[in-house]
Amino acid sequence: MRTTSLLTIVGVLGACALALPLFAGGSDGGMRTSEFADGSPRERVGWVDGEREGRCVRWHRDGSLRAEGDYHAGKMVGEWTFYLPDGSRDEARSGHYENGRRSG
């Protein structure tokens, strides 16, 4: 899919930049990668009809893995694994999610 323009939203917390590509023909779907201000990846996730959909991977500012899991209709579903900056699993946030809420 060809990117026709780029919308950059500057985040207040963490002084990071979130880049959201707008797709040809005004489509609001496809894979998107958001980035920190230095250009390193922050999040990669699919979008369908303006909502996150499918596999999501997030990174810490240092490039280490922050989280991975799935979205359906804009809500976290299934198994999600979160990682602390030192690479260890964040047990408090990791687990099974239903309809956007941790269920186990």
N, C-alpha and C. Protein backbone atom coordinates (compact mmCIF):
# COMPACT_ATOMS: atom_id res chain seq x y z
N MET A 1 0.84 -1.17 0.00
CA MET A 1 0.00 0.00 0.00
C MET A 1 0.89 1.24 0.00
N ARG A 2 0.60 2.20 -0.82
CA ARG A 2 1.44 3.38 -0.97
C ARG A 2 0.98 4.47 0.00
N THR A 3 1.92 5.02 0.74
CA THR A 3 1.62 6.11 1.65
C THR A 3 1.61 7.41 0.86
N THR A 4 0.54 8.19 1.01
CA THR A 4 0.43 9.43 0.25
C THR A 4 0.81 10.66 1.07
N SER A 5 0.68 10.58 2.36
CA SER A 5 1.07 11.70 3.21
C SER A 5 1.34 11.18 4.60
N LEU A 6 1.86 12.04 5.45
CA LEU A 6 2.21 11.62 6.80
C LEU A 6 1.73 12.65 7.80
N LEU A 7 0.97 12.19 8.77
CA LEU A 7 0.47 13.05 9.83
C LEU A 7 1.28 12.75 11.08
N THR A 8 1.89 13.76 11.66
CA THR A 8 2.70 13.55 12.85
C THR A 8 2.05 14.22 14.04
N ILE A 9 1.83 13.45 15.05
CA ILE A 9 1.24 13.96 16.29
C ILE A 9 2.33 13.90 17.35
N VAL A 10 2.60 15.01 17.98
CA VAL A 10 3.64 15.04 19.00
C VAL A 10 3.00 14.73 20.34
N GLY A 11 3.51 13.69 21.00
CA GLY A 11 2.98 13.27 22.29
C GLY A 11 3.49 14.16 23.40
N VAL A 12 2.62 14.44 24.35
CA VAL A 12 3.00 15.26 25.50
C VAL A 12 3.84 14.45 26.47
N LEU A 13 3.39 13.23 26.79
CA LEU A 13 4.14 12.39 27.71
C LEU A 13 5.31 11.75 27.01
N GLY A 14 6.47 11.89 27.54
CA GLY A 14 7.65 11.27 26.97
C GLY A 14 8.22 12.00 25.77
N ALA A 15 7.63 13.11 25.40
CA ALA A 15 8.09 13.92 24.26
C ALA A 15 8.39 13.04 23.05
N CYS A 16 7.45 12.18 22.71
CA CYS A 16 7.64 11.29 21.57
C CYS A 16 6.75 11.72 20.42
N ALA A 17 7.11 11.27 19.23
CA ALA A 17 6.31 11.58 18.04
C ALA A 17 5.63 10.31 17.56
N LEU A 18 4.38 10.44 17.18
CA LEU A 18 3.61 9.32 16.67
C LEU A 18 3.28 9.63 15.22
N ALA A 19 3.79 8.82 14.31
CA ALA A 19 3.56 9.06 12.88
C ALA A 19 2.50 8.11 12.37
N LEU A 20 1.45 8.66 11.78
CA LEU A 20 0.38 7.86 11.24
C LEU A 20 0.27 8.10 9.75
N PRO A 21 0.62 7.13 8.93
CA PRO A 21 0.50 7.33 7.49
C PRO A 21 -0.96 7.31 7.06
N LEU A 22 -1.30 8.16 6.13
CA LEU A 22 -2.62 8.15 5.52
C LEU A 22 -2.49 7.43 4.20
N PHE A 23 -3.37 6.50 3.93
CA PHE A 23 -3.23 5.64 2.77
C PHE A 23 -3.92 6.21 1.55
N ALA A 24 -3.46 5.80 0.39
CA ALA A 24 -4.00 6.26 -0.89
C ALA A 24 -5.51 6.05 -0.94
N GLY A 25 -6.21 7.00 -1.54
CA GLY A 25 -7.65 6.88 -1.71
C GLY A 25 -8.43 7.15 -0.45
N GLY A 26 -7.79 7.69 0.59
CA GLY A 26 -8.49 8.01 1.82
C GLY A 26 -8.78 6.79 2.69
N SER A 27 -8.23 5.65 2.34
CA SER A 27 -8.44 4.43 3.10
C SER A 27 -7.92 4.60 4.52
N ASP A 28 -8.62 4.02 5.47
CA ASP A 28 -8.21 4.10 6.86
C ASP A 28 -7.80 2.71 7.34
N GLY A 29 -7.08 1.97 6.48
CA GLY A 29 -6.69 0.61 6.85
C GLY A 29 -5.29 0.28 6.43
N GLY A 30 -4.79 -0.82 7.00
CA GLY A 30 -3.45 -1.28 6.69
C GLY A 30 -2.56 -1.26 7.91
N MET A 31 -1.32 -1.72 7.72
CA MET A 31 -0.35 -1.72 8.81
C MET A 31 0.21 -0.32 9.00
N ARG A 32 0.35 0.07 10.25
CA ARG A 32 0.95 1.37 10.58
C ARG A 32 2.05 1.16 11.60
N THR A 33 3.10 1.94 11.44
CA THR A 33 4.18 1.94 12.41
C THR A 33 4.31 3.34 12.96
N SER A 34 4.17 3.48 14.28
CA SER A 34 4.40 4.77 14.92
C SER A 34 5.84 4.79 15.39
N GLU A 35 6.39 5.98 15.52
CA GLU A 35 7.81 6.13 15.84
C GLU A 35 8.02 7.12 16.97
N PHE A 36 9.11 6.92 17.69
CA PHE A 36 9.56 7.92 18.65
C PHE A 36 10.18 9.07 17.86
N ALA A 37 10.44 10.18 18.52
CA ALA A 37 10.99 11.37 17.86
C ALA A 37 12.31 11.08 17.14
N ASP A 38 13.08 10.11 17.65
CA ASP A 38 14.37 9.79 17.02
C ASP A 38 14.22 8.86 15.81
N GLY A 39 12.99 8.47 15.48
CA GLY A 39 12.75 7.62 14.32
C GLY A 39 12.70 6.14 14.62
N SER A 40 13.02 5.74 15.84
CA SER A 40 12.95 4.32 16.18
C SER A 40 11.49 3.90 16.35
N PRO A 41 11.17 2.64 16.05
CA PRO A 41 9.77 2.21 16.10
C PRO A 41 9.21 2.20 17.52
N ARG A 42 7.95 2.57 17.62
CA ARG A 42 7.23 2.58 18.90
C ARG A 42 6.15 1.50 18.91
N GLU A 43 5.37 1.41 17.81
CA GLU A 43 4.29 0.44 17.72
C GLU A 43 4.05 0.08 16.26
N ARG A 44 3.74 -1.19 16.01
CA ARG A 44 3.33 -1.63 14.67
C ARG A 44 2.06 -2.44 14.85
N VAL A 45 1.00 -1.99 14.16
CA VAL A 45 -0.30 -2.64 14.31
C VAL A 45 -1.15 -2.40 13.07
N GLY A 46 -2.05 -3.32 12.78
CA GLY A 46 -2.98 -3.15 11.67
C GLY A 46 -4.15 -2.27 12.08
N TRP A 47 -4.73 -1.63 11.08
CA TRP A 47 -5.90 -0.78 11.30
C TRP A 47 -6.97 -1.16 10.28
N VAL A 48 -8.21 -1.21 10.73
CA VAL A 48 -9.36 -1.45 9.86
C VAL A 48 -10.49 -0.53 10.33
N ASP A 49 -11.02 0.26 9.43
CA ASP A 49 -12.14 1.16 9.75
C ASP A 49 -11.86 2.02 10.98
N GLY A 50 -10.64 2.53 11.07
CA GLY A 50 -10.29 3.46 12.15
C GLY A 50 -10.00 2.83 13.50
N GLU A 51 -9.90 1.49 13.54
CA GLU A 51 -9.62 0.81 14.80
C GLU A 51 -8.45 -0.16 14.64
N ARG A 52 -7.71 -0.33 15.73
CA ARG A 52 -6.63 -1.32 15.70
C ARG A 52 -7.23 -2.70 15.48
N GLU A 53 -6.54 -3.49 14.63
CA GLU A 53 -7.03 -4.84 14.30
C GLU A 53 -5.84 -5.73 13.98
N GLY A 54 -5.76 -6.87 14.65
CA GLY A 54 -4.69 -7.82 14.37
C GLY A 54 -3.51 -7.69 15.31
N ARG A 55 -2.39 -8.26 14.88
CA ARG A 55 -1.19 -8.32 15.71
C ARG A 55 -0.62 -6.94 15.99
N CYS A 56 -0.22 -6.73 17.23
CA CYS A 56 0.39 -5.48 17.66
C CYS A 56 1.72 -5.79 18.35
N VAL A 57 2.74 -5.03 18.00
CA VAL A 57 4.04 -5.13 18.66
C VAL A 57 4.44 -3.72 19.07
N ARG A 58 4.89 -3.57 20.31
CA ARG A 58 5.33 -2.27 20.83
C ARG A 58 6.75 -2.41 21.37
N TRP A 59 7.51 -1.31 21.27
CA TRP A 59 8.88 -1.28 21.74
C TRP A 59 9.09 -0.16 22.75
N HIS A 60 10.04 -0.39 23.66
CA HIS A 60 10.51 0.67 24.55
C HIS A 60 11.38 1.62 23.74
N ARG A 61 11.63 2.79 24.28
CA ARG A 61 12.45 3.80 23.62
C ARG A 61 13.85 3.27 23.27
N ASP A 62 14.38 2.33 24.08
CA ASP A 62 15.73 1.79 23.81
C ASP A 62 15.73 0.69 22.74
N GLY A 63 14.55 0.36 22.20
CA GLY A 63 14.46 -0.64 21.15
C GLY A 63 14.10 -2.03 21.63
N SER A 64 14.08 -2.23 22.94
CA SER A 64 13.69 -3.54 23.46
C SER A 64 12.17 -3.71 23.39
N LEU A 65 11.73 -4.95 23.34
CA LEU A 65 10.32 -5.26 23.21
C LEU A 65 9.56 -4.79 24.44
N ARG A 66 8.41 -4.14 24.22
CA ARG A 66 7.57 -3.63 25.31
C ARG A 66 6.31 -4.48 25.49
N ALA A 67 5.66 -4.85 24.37
CA ALA A 67 4.42 -5.63 24.44
C ALA A 67 4.13 -6.28 23.11
N GLU A 68 3.40 -7.39 23.17
CA GLU A 68 2.90 -8.02 21.95
C GLU A 68 1.59 -8.73 22.26
N GLY A 69 0.66 -8.60 21.32
CA GLY A 69 -0.66 -9.21 21.48
C GLY A 69 -1.53 -8.85 20.29
N ASP A 70 -2.81 -9.10 20.42
CA ASP A 70 -3.74 -8.88 19.32
C ASP A 70 -4.86 -7.93 19.69
N TYR A 71 -5.36 -7.25 18.66
CA TYR A 71 -6.53 -6.39 18.78
C TYR A 71 -7.65 -6.95 17.91
N HIS A 72 -8.88 -6.76 18.37
CA HIS A 72 -10.05 -7.01 17.53
C HIS A 72 -11.03 -5.88 17.80
N ALA A 73 -11.44 -5.22 16.72
CA ALA A 73 -12.39 -4.10 16.81
C ALA A 73 -11.90 -3.04 17.80
N GLY A 74 -10.58 -2.79 17.81
CA GLY A 74 -10.01 -1.74 18.64
C GLY A 74 -9.76 -2.11 20.09
N LYS A 75 -10.01 -3.37 20.46
CA LYS A 75 -9.84 -3.79 21.85
C LYS A 75 -8.83 -4.92 21.96
N MET A 76 -8.06 -4.92 23.03
CA MET A 76 -7.08 -5.97 23.27
C MET A 76 -7.82 -7.29 23.53
N VAL A 77 -7.36 -8.36 22.84
CA VAL A 77 -7.98 -9.68 23.01
C VAL A 77 -6.89 -10.74 23.04
N GLY A 78 -7.21 -11.87 23.66
CA GLY A 78 -6.28 -12.99 23.69
C GLY A 78 -5.09 -12.74 24.61
N GLU A 79 -4.04 -13.50 24.39
CA GLU A 79 -2.84 -13.41 25.23
C GLU A 79 -2.01 -12.18 24.88
N TRP A 80 -1.70 -11.39 25.88
CA TRP A 80 -0.81 -10.24 25.74
C TRP A 80 0.38 -10.46 26.68
N THR A 81 1.56 -10.15 26.18
CA THR A 81 2.76 -10.22 27.00
C THR A 81 3.39 -8.84 27.03
N PHE A 82 3.62 -8.33 28.24
CA PHE A 82 4.27 -7.04 28.43
C PHE A 82 5.64 -7.28 29.04
N TYR A 83 6.59 -6.43 28.67
CA TYR A 83 7.96 -6.56 29.15
C TYR A 83 8.42 -5.27 29.81
N LEU A 84 9.18 -5.42 30.88
CA LEU A 84 9.79 -4.29 31.56
C LEU A 84 11.02 -3.85 30.77
N PRO A 85 11.52 -2.65 31.01
CA PRO A 85 12.70 -2.18 30.26
C PRO A 85 13.92 -3.10 30.36
N ASP A 86 14.03 -3.88 31.45
CA ASP A 86 15.17 -4.79 31.59
C ASP A 86 14.97 -6.10 30.82
N GLY A 87 13.82 -6.25 30.14
CA GLY A 87 13.55 -7.44 29.34
C GLY A 87 12.75 -8.51 30.05
N SER A 88 12.56 -8.37 31.35
CA SER A 88 11.77 -9.37 32.08
C SER A 88 10.28 -9.16 31.83
N ARG A 89 9.53 -10.23 31.99
CA ARG A 89 8.09 -10.18 31.75
C ARG A 89 7.40 -9.36 32.84
N ASP A 90 6.50 -8.49 32.45
CA ASP A 90 5.71 -7.69 33.38
C ASP A 90 4.48 -8.51 33.76
N GLU A 91 4.59 -9.24 34.85
CA GLU A 91 3.52 -10.16 35.27
C GLU A 91 2.23 -9.43 35.63
N ALA A 92 2.34 -8.21 36.12
CA ALA A 92 1.15 -7.45 36.53
C ALA A 92 0.26 -7.09 35.35
N ARG A 93 0.82 -6.97 34.16
CA ARG A 93 0.03 -6.58 32.98
C ARG A 93 -0.16 -7.70 31.98
N SER A 94 0.69 -8.69 31.99
CA SER A 94 0.60 -9.79 31.03
C SER A 94 -0.56 -10.72 31.39
N GLY A 95 -1.14 -11.34 30.37
CA GLY A 95 -2.20 -12.31 30.61
C GLY A 95 -3.23 -12.29 29.50
N HIS A 96 -4.36 -12.90 29.77
CA HIS A 96 -5.44 -13.00 28.78
C HIS A 96 -6.33 -11.76 28.87
N TYR A 97 -6.68 -11.23 27.71
CA TYR A 97 -7.55 -10.05 27.64
C TYR A 97 -8.81 -10.38 26.86
N GLU A 98 -9.93 -9.88 27.35
CA GLU A 98 -11.22 -10.00 26.67
C GLU A 98 -11.85 -8.62 26.61
N ASN A 99 -12.26 -8.23 25.42
CA ASN A 99 -12.95 -6.96 25.24
C ASN A 99 -12.18 -5.78 25.85
N GLY A 100 -10.84 -5.84 25.74
CA GLY A 100 -10.00 -4.74 26.20
C GLY A 100 -9.61 -4.78 27.66
N ARG A 101 -10.07 -5.78 28.40
CA ARG A 101 -9.76 -5.86 29.84
C ARG A 101 -9.05 -7.18 30.16
N ARG A 102 -8.12 -7.10 31.08
CA ARG A 102 -7.41 -8.30 31.50
C ARG A 102 -8.37 -9.21 32.24
N SER A 103 -8.39 -10.48 31.83
CA SER A 103 -9.32 -11.43 32.45
C SER A 103 -8.61 -12.62 33.09
N GLY A 104 -7.32 -12.62 33.03
CA GLY A 104 -6.60 -13.74 33.65
C GLY A 104 -5.15 -13.73 33.34
